[in-house]
Amino acid sequence: MSTPKILIKAATPADAQDLARLNAAFNGGSDPAERLAERLADPASVEQVLLAEVDGLVVGFAALRIVPCVLYADPHGELTELFVEQAYRRLGVGRELLSCAEKIARERDVRELVILTDETNHVSRSFYAAMGYESGEVAFSKGLSGSQADLKPGRNI
């Protein structure tokens, strides 16, 4: 197969249907396209979604989070998601998405881009290593029940 022409673009609310389809394939995401469109339209959002198109078909996405820090001069940069449909893997789509995310992060003065992936996801770990990333810090996580709506008056922080 010849090398496809890959277009990387910023996702807009109009792309929510494609993003919902890819997110469901990626991690079983079930948020309807309408909710994704609302979040994509939020001007206060700290996460930018990039889409990869091949021959006009959306085949992958990356999500880049850049957050200013109070205690550090440089903003925190994190690639929170990266997914390419199976049929379009090993064609350079993931590389293009990651390269575009890195370019945006550099333009916004991010000095280090963090990527979290499962330690058993050997394919992703190999991909990131091939892109120059090194295994680093250990991440801890904890599920939190409830939401802001569940907080009682007087118990908020």
N, C-alpha and C. Protein backbone atom coordinates (compact mmCIF):
# COMPACT_ATOMS: atom_id res chain seq x y z
N MET A 1 0.85 -1.18 0.00
CA MET A 1 0.00 0.00 0.00
C MET A 1 0.89 1.24 0.00
N SER A 2 0.54 2.21 -0.83
CA SER A 2 1.33 3.43 -0.87
C SER A 2 1.05 4.27 0.37
N THR A 3 1.95 5.17 0.65
CA THR A 3 1.79 6.03 1.82
C THR A 3 0.60 6.95 1.61
N PRO A 4 -0.37 6.91 2.53
CA PRO A 4 -1.56 7.75 2.35
C PRO A 4 -1.28 9.20 2.69
N LYS A 5 -2.09 10.08 2.15
CA LYS A 5 -2.02 11.50 2.53
C LYS A 5 -2.82 11.64 3.82
N ILE A 6 -2.13 12.08 4.86
CA ILE A 6 -2.74 12.20 6.19
C ILE A 6 -2.93 13.68 6.49
N LEU A 7 -4.12 14.04 6.87
CA LEU A 7 -4.45 15.41 7.27
C LEU A 7 -4.75 15.41 8.76
N ILE A 8 -4.08 16.28 9.51
CA ILE A 8 -4.35 16.44 10.94
C ILE A 8 -5.03 17.79 11.12
N LYS A 9 -6.14 17.78 11.84
CA LYS A 9 -6.88 19.03 12.06
C LYS A 9 -7.42 19.06 13.48
N ALA A 10 -7.72 20.27 13.95
CA ALA A 10 -8.35 20.43 15.25
C ALA A 10 -9.81 20.01 15.14
N ALA A 11 -10.26 19.24 16.11
CA ALA A 11 -11.66 18.82 16.13
C ALA A 11 -12.56 19.99 16.48
N THR A 12 -13.72 20.02 15.87
CA THR A 12 -14.74 21.03 16.17
C THR A 12 -16.03 20.28 16.54
N PRO A 13 -17.01 21.00 17.04
CA PRO A 13 -18.28 20.33 17.36
C PRO A 13 -18.86 19.55 16.17
N ALA A 14 -18.59 20.00 14.96
CA ALA A 14 -19.10 19.30 13.77
C ALA A 14 -18.48 17.91 13.61
N ASP A 15 -17.36 17.66 14.29
CA ASP A 15 -16.68 16.37 14.21
C ASP A 15 -17.10 15.40 15.30
N ALA A 16 -18.06 15.78 16.12
CA ALA A 16 -18.42 14.99 17.31
C ALA A 16 -18.88 13.57 16.97
N GLN A 17 -19.59 13.40 15.86
CA GLN A 17 -20.08 12.06 15.49
C GLN A 17 -18.90 11.13 15.21
N ASP A 18 -17.92 11.61 14.44
CA ASP A 18 -16.73 10.79 14.16
C ASP A 18 -15.94 10.52 15.43
N LEU A 19 -15.82 11.53 16.28
CA LEU A 19 -15.07 11.36 17.52
C LEU A 19 -15.77 10.36 18.44
N ALA A 20 -17.08 10.41 18.52
CA ALA A 20 -17.82 9.45 19.34
C ALA A 20 -17.62 8.02 18.83
N ARG A 21 -17.62 7.85 17.51
CA ARG A 21 -17.40 6.53 16.92
C ARG A 21 -16.00 6.01 17.26
N LEU A 22 -14.99 6.85 17.11
CA LEU A 22 -13.62 6.44 17.42
C LEU A 22 -13.43 6.17 18.90
N ASN A 23 -14.02 7.00 19.75
CA ASN A 23 -13.89 6.83 21.19
C ASN A 23 -14.53 5.53 21.64
N ALA A 24 -15.64 5.16 21.04
CA ALA A 24 -16.29 3.89 21.37
C ALA A 24 -15.39 2.72 20.98
N ALA A 25 -14.73 2.83 19.82
CA ALA A 25 -13.82 1.76 19.38
C ALA A 25 -12.57 1.72 20.25
N PHE A 26 -12.13 2.88 20.73
CA PHE A 26 -10.91 2.98 21.51
C PHE A 26 -11.08 2.41 22.91
N ASN A 27 -12.04 2.91 23.64
CA ASN A 27 -12.15 2.50 25.03
C ASN A 27 -13.58 2.27 25.50
N GLY A 28 -14.47 2.04 24.54
CA GLY A 28 -15.85 1.78 24.90
C GLY A 28 -16.61 3.02 25.32
N GLY A 29 -16.07 4.20 25.02
CA GLY A 29 -16.73 5.44 25.40
C GLY A 29 -18.16 5.46 24.90
N SER A 30 -19.07 5.89 25.77
CA SER A 30 -20.49 5.84 25.41
C SER A 30 -21.15 7.21 25.43
N ASP A 31 -20.39 8.27 25.65
CA ASP A 31 -21.00 9.60 25.61
C ASP A 31 -21.52 9.86 24.20
N PRO A 32 -22.76 10.35 24.10
CA PRO A 32 -23.30 10.63 22.77
C PRO A 32 -22.57 11.80 22.12
N ALA A 33 -22.65 11.83 20.81
CA ALA A 33 -21.98 12.88 20.04
C ALA A 33 -22.38 14.27 20.51
N GLU A 34 -23.61 14.44 20.92
CA GLU A 34 -24.09 15.75 21.37
C GLU A 34 -23.29 16.25 22.58
N ARG A 35 -23.00 15.35 23.51
CA ARG A 35 -22.22 15.75 24.71
C ARG A 35 -20.79 16.08 24.33
N LEU A 36 -20.22 15.28 23.41
CA LEU A 36 -18.87 15.58 22.95
C LEU A 36 -18.83 16.93 22.24
N ALA A 37 -19.85 17.22 21.44
CA ALA A 37 -19.92 18.51 20.74
C ALA A 37 -19.96 19.66 21.74
N GLU A 38 -20.71 19.50 22.82
CA GLU A 38 -20.78 20.55 23.85
C GLU A 38 -19.41 20.80 24.46
N ARG A 39 -18.68 19.71 24.76
CA ARG A 39 -17.36 19.87 25.37
C ARG A 39 -16.35 20.44 24.38
N LEU A 40 -16.47 20.06 23.12
CA LEU A 40 -15.57 20.63 22.11
C LEU A 40 -15.80 22.13 21.92
N ALA A 41 -17.03 22.56 22.14
CA ALA A 41 -17.37 23.98 21.96
C ALA A 41 -17.02 24.83 23.17
N ASP A 42 -16.66 24.23 24.28
CA ASP A 42 -16.39 24.96 25.52
C ASP A 42 -15.11 25.78 25.37
N PRO A 43 -15.21 27.11 25.38
CA PRO A 43 -14.00 27.94 25.21
C PRO A 43 -13.04 27.84 26.39
N ALA A 44 -13.48 27.35 27.53
CA ALA A 44 -12.61 27.23 28.71
C ALA A 44 -11.89 25.89 28.75
N SER A 45 -12.12 25.06 27.77
CA SER A 45 -11.53 23.73 27.76
C SER A 45 -10.00 23.80 27.75
N VAL A 46 -9.37 22.92 28.50
CA VAL A 46 -7.91 22.86 28.52
C VAL A 46 -7.38 21.72 27.66
N GLU A 47 -8.30 20.99 27.03
CA GLU A 47 -7.90 19.86 26.21
C GLU A 47 -8.26 20.14 24.75
N GLN A 48 -7.28 19.90 23.89
CA GLN A 48 -7.50 20.07 22.46
C GLN A 48 -7.49 18.70 21.81
N VAL A 49 -8.50 18.45 20.99
CA VAL A 49 -8.58 17.17 20.29
C VAL A 49 -8.15 17.38 18.85
N LEU A 50 -7.26 16.50 18.40
CA LEU A 50 -6.79 16.50 17.02
C LEU A 50 -7.36 15.28 16.32
N LEU A 51 -7.76 15.45 15.08
CA LEU A 51 -8.28 14.35 14.30
C LEU A 51 -7.34 14.07 13.12
N ALA A 52 -7.25 12.80 12.76
CA ALA A 52 -6.47 12.38 11.59
C ALA A 52 -7.43 11.90 10.53
N GLU A 53 -7.29 12.44 9.34
CA GLU A 53 -8.11 12.02 8.21
C GLU A 53 -7.22 11.40 7.15
N VAL A 54 -7.71 10.32 6.56
CA VAL A 54 -7.08 9.69 5.40
C VAL A 54 -8.17 9.58 4.34
N ASP A 55 -7.92 10.19 3.20
CA ASP A 55 -8.90 10.18 2.10
C ASP A 55 -10.29 10.64 2.57
N GLY A 56 -10.31 11.68 3.42
CA GLY A 56 -11.56 12.26 3.89
C GLY A 56 -12.26 11.50 4.99
N LEU A 57 -11.68 10.39 5.43
CA LEU A 57 -12.27 9.58 6.50
C LEU A 57 -11.50 9.81 7.79
N VAL A 58 -12.21 10.13 8.87
CA VAL A 58 -11.56 10.32 10.17
C VAL A 58 -11.20 8.95 10.71
N VAL A 59 -9.89 8.72 10.94
CA VAL A 59 -9.41 7.39 11.32
C VAL A 59 -8.65 7.37 12.65
N GLY A 60 -8.46 8.52 13.26
CA GLY A 60 -7.73 8.54 14.53
C GLY A 60 -7.87 9.87 15.22
N PHE A 61 -7.47 9.88 16.49
CA PHE A 61 -7.51 11.13 17.25
C PHE A 61 -6.44 11.13 18.33
N ALA A 62 -6.11 12.32 18.75
CA ALA A 62 -5.23 12.53 19.90
C ALA A 62 -5.84 13.64 20.73
N ALA A 63 -5.64 13.57 22.04
CA ALA A 63 -6.12 14.63 22.93
C ALA A 63 -4.93 15.18 23.70
N LEU A 64 -4.76 16.47 23.61
CA LEU A 64 -3.63 17.16 24.23
C LEU A 64 -4.16 18.09 25.30
N ARG A 65 -3.61 17.96 26.48
CA ARG A 65 -3.99 18.81 27.60
C ARG A 65 -2.79 19.67 27.98
N ILE A 66 -3.00 20.98 28.01
CA ILE A 66 -1.97 21.92 28.44
C ILE A 66 -2.57 22.77 29.55
N VAL A 67 -1.94 22.68 30.72
CA VAL A 67 -2.49 23.34 31.90
C VAL A 67 -1.42 24.24 32.51
N PRO A 68 -1.75 25.51 32.76
CA PRO A 68 -0.80 26.38 33.45
C PRO A 68 -0.57 25.88 34.88
N CYS A 69 0.62 26.12 35.38
CA CYS A 69 0.97 25.70 36.74
C CYS A 69 1.22 26.92 37.61
N VAL A 70 0.79 26.87 38.84
CA VAL A 70 1.03 27.97 39.77
C VAL A 70 2.47 27.91 40.28
N LEU A 71 2.95 26.73 40.60
CA LEU A 71 4.27 26.60 41.23
C LEU A 71 5.42 26.43 40.25
N TYR A 72 5.14 26.30 38.98
CA TYR A 72 6.18 26.14 37.97
C TYR A 72 5.92 27.12 36.83
N ALA A 73 6.97 27.65 36.27
CA ALA A 73 6.83 28.63 35.19
C ALA A 73 6.27 27.99 33.92
N ASP A 74 6.62 26.73 33.67
CA ASP A 74 6.21 26.07 32.44
C ASP A 74 4.87 25.36 32.63
N PRO A 75 4.01 25.41 31.62
CA PRO A 75 2.75 24.69 31.72
C PRO A 75 2.96 23.17 31.65
N HIS A 76 2.03 22.43 32.21
CA HIS A 76 2.06 20.97 32.18
C HIS A 76 1.44 20.52 30.86
N GLY A 77 2.12 19.64 30.15
CA GLY A 77 1.59 19.10 28.91
C GLY A 77 1.41 17.60 29.03
N GLU A 78 0.25 17.13 28.59
CA GLU A 78 -0.03 15.70 28.66
C GLU A 78 -0.81 15.26 27.44
N LEU A 79 -0.37 14.21 26.81
CA LEU A 79 -1.15 13.57 25.76
C LEU A 79 -2.06 12.59 26.48
N THR A 80 -3.35 12.90 26.54
CA THR A 80 -4.26 12.09 27.34
C THR A 80 -4.84 10.91 26.57
N GLU A 81 -4.89 11.00 25.27
CA GLU A 81 -5.45 9.93 24.44
C GLU A 81 -4.74 9.91 23.10
N LEU A 82 -4.60 8.72 22.53
CA LEU A 82 -4.12 8.57 21.16
C LEU A 82 -4.69 7.26 20.64
N PHE A 83 -5.40 7.34 19.52
CA PHE A 83 -6.03 6.15 18.96
C PHE A 83 -6.05 6.26 17.45
N VAL A 84 -5.73 5.14 16.80
CA VAL A 84 -5.83 5.02 15.34
C VAL A 84 -6.56 3.72 15.05
N GLU A 85 -7.54 3.78 14.16
CA GLU A 85 -8.27 2.57 13.80
C GLU A 85 -7.31 1.51 13.26
N GLN A 86 -7.60 0.27 13.58
CA GLN A 86 -6.72 -0.86 13.25
C GLN A 86 -6.28 -0.85 11.79
N ALA A 87 -7.18 -0.64 10.87
CA ALA A 87 -6.86 -0.70 9.44
C ALA A 87 -5.88 0.38 9.00
N TYR A 88 -5.70 1.42 9.82
CA TYR A 88 -4.84 2.55 9.44
C TYR A 88 -3.57 2.63 10.28
N ARG A 89 -3.31 1.61 11.06
CA ARG A 89 -2.09 1.58 11.86
C ARG A 89 -0.90 1.21 10.98
N ARG A 90 0.27 1.64 11.41
CA ARG A 90 1.52 1.39 10.70
C ARG A 90 1.60 2.11 9.35
N LEU A 91 0.81 3.17 9.22
CA LEU A 91 0.83 3.99 8.01
C LEU A 91 1.33 5.40 8.29
N GLY A 92 1.69 5.67 9.54
CA GLY A 92 2.18 6.99 9.91
C GLY A 92 1.14 7.90 10.55
N VAL A 93 -0.08 7.40 10.72
CA VAL A 93 -1.15 8.23 11.28
C VAL A 93 -0.84 8.60 12.72
N GLY A 94 -0.46 7.64 13.54
CA GLY A 94 -0.12 7.91 14.94
C GLY A 94 1.06 8.86 15.05
N ARG A 95 2.06 8.66 14.20
CA ARG A 95 3.23 9.56 14.21
C ARG A 95 2.82 10.99 13.89
N GLU A 96 1.94 11.15 12.89
CA GLU A 96 1.49 12.49 12.52
C GLU A 96 0.70 13.15 13.65
N LEU A 97 -0.18 12.37 14.28
CA LEU A 97 -0.95 12.92 15.40
C LEU A 97 -0.03 13.36 16.53
N LEU A 98 0.92 12.50 16.91
CA LEU A 98 1.82 12.82 18.00
C LEU A 98 2.73 13.99 17.64
N SER A 99 3.22 14.03 16.42
CA SER A 99 4.08 15.15 15.99
C SER A 99 3.33 16.47 16.03
N CYS A 100 2.07 16.46 15.62
CA CYS A 100 1.26 17.67 15.66
C CYS A 100 1.02 18.11 17.10
N ALA A 101 0.72 17.16 17.98
CA ALA A 101 0.52 17.48 19.40
C ALA A 101 1.79 18.08 20.00
N GLU A 102 2.95 17.51 19.66
CA GLU A 102 4.22 18.04 20.15
C GLU A 102 4.46 19.46 19.66
N LYS A 103 4.13 19.72 18.40
CA LYS A 103 4.32 21.06 17.83
C LYS A 103 3.45 22.08 18.58
N ILE A 104 2.20 21.74 18.82
CA ILE A 104 1.31 22.64 19.55
C ILE A 104 1.84 22.86 20.97
N ALA A 105 2.29 21.80 21.62
CA ALA A 105 2.82 21.93 22.99
C ALA A 105 4.04 22.85 23.01
N ARG A 106 4.95 22.67 22.06
CA ARG A 106 6.14 23.54 21.99
C ARG A 106 5.72 25.00 21.82
N GLU A 107 4.76 25.24 20.94
CA GLU A 107 4.28 26.61 20.69
C GLU A 107 3.68 27.25 21.93
N ARG A 108 3.21 26.41 22.86
CA ARG A 108 2.60 26.91 24.09
C ARG A 108 3.55 26.80 25.28
N ASP A 109 4.85 26.68 24.98
CA ASP A 109 5.93 26.69 25.97
C ASP A 109 5.97 25.48 26.90
N VAL A 110 5.41 24.36 26.46
CA VAL A 110 5.53 23.13 27.23
C VAL A 110 6.93 22.58 26.99
N ARG A 111 7.64 22.24 28.06
CA ARG A 111 9.01 21.73 27.94
C ARG A 111 9.07 20.20 27.99
N GLU A 112 8.02 19.58 28.51
CA GLU A 112 7.99 18.12 28.60
C GLU A 112 6.55 17.66 28.40
N LEU A 113 6.38 16.69 27.53
CA LEU A 113 5.06 16.14 27.28
C LEU A 113 4.98 14.78 27.96
N VAL A 114 3.98 14.61 28.80
CA VAL A 114 3.79 13.37 29.56
C VAL A 114 2.72 12.53 28.87
N ILE A 115 2.97 11.23 28.80
CA ILE A 115 2.00 10.29 28.24
C ILE A 115 1.85 9.14 29.22
N LEU A 116 0.62 8.85 29.60
CA LEU A 116 0.35 7.72 30.47
C LEU A 116 -0.26 6.61 29.63
N THR A 117 0.24 5.40 29.80
CA THR A 117 -0.34 4.24 29.13
C THR A 117 -0.19 3.05 30.05
N ASP A 118 -1.04 2.08 29.88
CA ASP A 118 -1.00 0.89 30.72
C ASP A 118 0.33 0.17 30.56
N GLU A 119 0.88 -0.30 31.65
CA GLU A 119 2.19 -0.97 31.59
C GLU A 119 2.14 -2.26 30.78
N THR A 120 0.96 -2.82 30.56
CA THR A 120 0.84 -4.04 29.76
C THR A 120 0.57 -3.75 28.29
N ASN A 121 0.42 -2.48 27.93
CA ASN A 121 0.16 -2.10 26.54
C ASN A 121 1.50 -1.99 25.80
N HIS A 122 2.04 -3.13 25.43
CA HIS A 122 3.37 -3.18 24.84
C HIS A 122 3.44 -2.50 23.48
N VAL A 123 2.38 -2.56 22.71
CA VAL A 123 2.37 -1.91 21.39
C VAL A 123 2.52 -0.40 21.56
N SER A 124 1.72 0.19 22.45
CA SER A 124 1.82 1.63 22.68
C SER A 124 3.16 2.02 23.27
N ARG A 125 3.63 1.23 24.22
CA ARG A 125 4.92 1.54 24.84
C ARG A 125 6.04 1.51 23.81
N SER A 126 6.00 0.56 22.90
CA SER A 126 7.02 0.48 21.84
C SER A 126 6.91 1.68 20.90
N PHE A 127 5.69 2.05 20.57
CA PHE A 127 5.47 3.21 19.70
C PHE A 127 6.04 4.47 20.34
N TYR A 128 5.71 4.72 21.60
CA TYR A 128 6.19 5.93 22.26
C TYR A 128 7.72 5.91 22.40
N ALA A 129 8.29 4.77 22.68
CA ALA A 129 9.75 4.66 22.76
C ALA A 129 10.37 4.98 21.40
N ALA A 130 9.77 4.49 20.33
CA ALA A 130 10.27 4.77 18.98
C ALA A 130 10.16 6.25 18.64
N MET A 131 9.25 6.94 19.29
CA MET A 131 9.07 8.38 19.07
C MET A 131 9.94 9.21 20.01
N GLY A 132 10.80 8.54 20.78
CA GLY A 132 11.75 9.26 21.63
C GLY A 132 11.34 9.44 23.08
N TYR A 133 10.24 8.84 23.48
CA TYR A 133 9.79 8.95 24.86
C TYR A 133 10.46 7.89 25.72
N GLU A 134 10.71 8.26 26.97
CA GLU A 134 11.34 7.35 27.92
C GLU A 134 10.35 7.01 29.02
N SER A 135 10.44 5.78 29.50
CA SER A 135 9.61 5.39 30.63
C SER A 135 10.09 6.19 31.84
N GLY A 136 9.16 6.72 32.59
CA GLY A 136 9.55 7.60 33.68
C GLY A 136 8.84 7.32 34.96
N GLU A 137 8.24 8.35 35.48
CA GLU A 137 7.62 8.31 36.79
C GLU A 137 6.48 7.31 36.85
N VAL A 138 6.20 6.87 38.03
CA VAL A 138 5.07 5.97 38.27
C VAL A 138 3.85 6.83 38.56
N ALA A 139 2.74 6.48 37.96
CA ALA A 139 1.50 7.21 38.20
C ALA A 139 0.61 6.39 39.13
N PHE A 140 -0.01 7.06 40.06
CA PHE A 140 -0.98 6.44 40.94
C PHE A 140 -2.36 6.95 40.55
N SER A 141 -3.37 6.15 40.73
CA SER A 141 -4.72 6.62 40.47
C SER A 141 -5.68 6.01 41.48
N LYS A 142 -6.78 6.69 41.66
CA LYS A 142 -7.79 6.23 42.60
C LYS A 142 -9.14 6.69 42.06
N GLY A 143 -10.08 5.78 41.98
CA GLY A 143 -11.41 6.15 41.56
C GLY A 143 -12.10 6.96 42.66
N LEU A 144 -12.79 8.01 42.28
CA LEU A 144 -13.51 8.86 43.23
C LEU A 144 -14.99 8.75 42.94
N SER A 145 -15.75 8.38 43.93
CA SER A 145 -17.20 8.29 43.73
C SER A 145 -17.81 9.66 43.94
N GLY A 146 -18.97 9.83 43.37
CA GLY A 146 -19.67 11.10 43.53
C GLY A 146 -19.21 12.14 42.53
N SER A 147 -19.87 13.26 42.58
CA SER A 147 -19.54 14.37 41.69
C SER A 147 -19.76 15.67 42.45
N GLN A 148 -19.52 16.77 41.77
CA GLN A 148 -19.74 18.08 42.40
C GLN A 148 -21.18 18.19 42.91
N ALA A 149 -22.11 17.64 42.18
CA ALA A 149 -23.52 17.71 42.58
C ALA A 149 -23.78 16.96 43.88
N ASP A 150 -22.92 16.00 44.20
CA ASP A 150 -23.09 15.20 45.40
C ASP A 150 -22.53 15.88 46.65
N LEU A 151 -21.72 16.93 46.48
CA LEU A 151 -21.11 17.59 47.63
C LEU A 151 -22.17 18.35 48.42
N LYS A 152 -22.07 18.28 49.71
CA LYS A 152 -23.02 18.96 50.60
C LYS A 152 -22.50 20.34 50.94
N PRO A 153 -23.40 21.34 51.10
CA PRO A 153 -22.95 22.67 51.52
C PRO A 153 -22.18 22.57 52.83
N GLY A 154 -21.12 23.34 52.92
CA GLY A 154 -20.30 23.34 54.13
C GLY A 154 -19.23 22.26 54.14
N ARG A 155 -19.28 21.35 53.18
CA ARG A 155 -18.29 20.28 53.12
C ARG A 155 -17.37 20.47 51.91
N ASN A 156 -17.62 21.52 51.16
CA ASN A 156 -16.79 21.79 49.98
C ASN A 156 -15.43 22.31 50.43
N ILE A 157 -14.46 22.06 49.64
CA ILE A 157 -13.11 22.55 49.95
C ILE A 157 -12.99 23.98 49.50
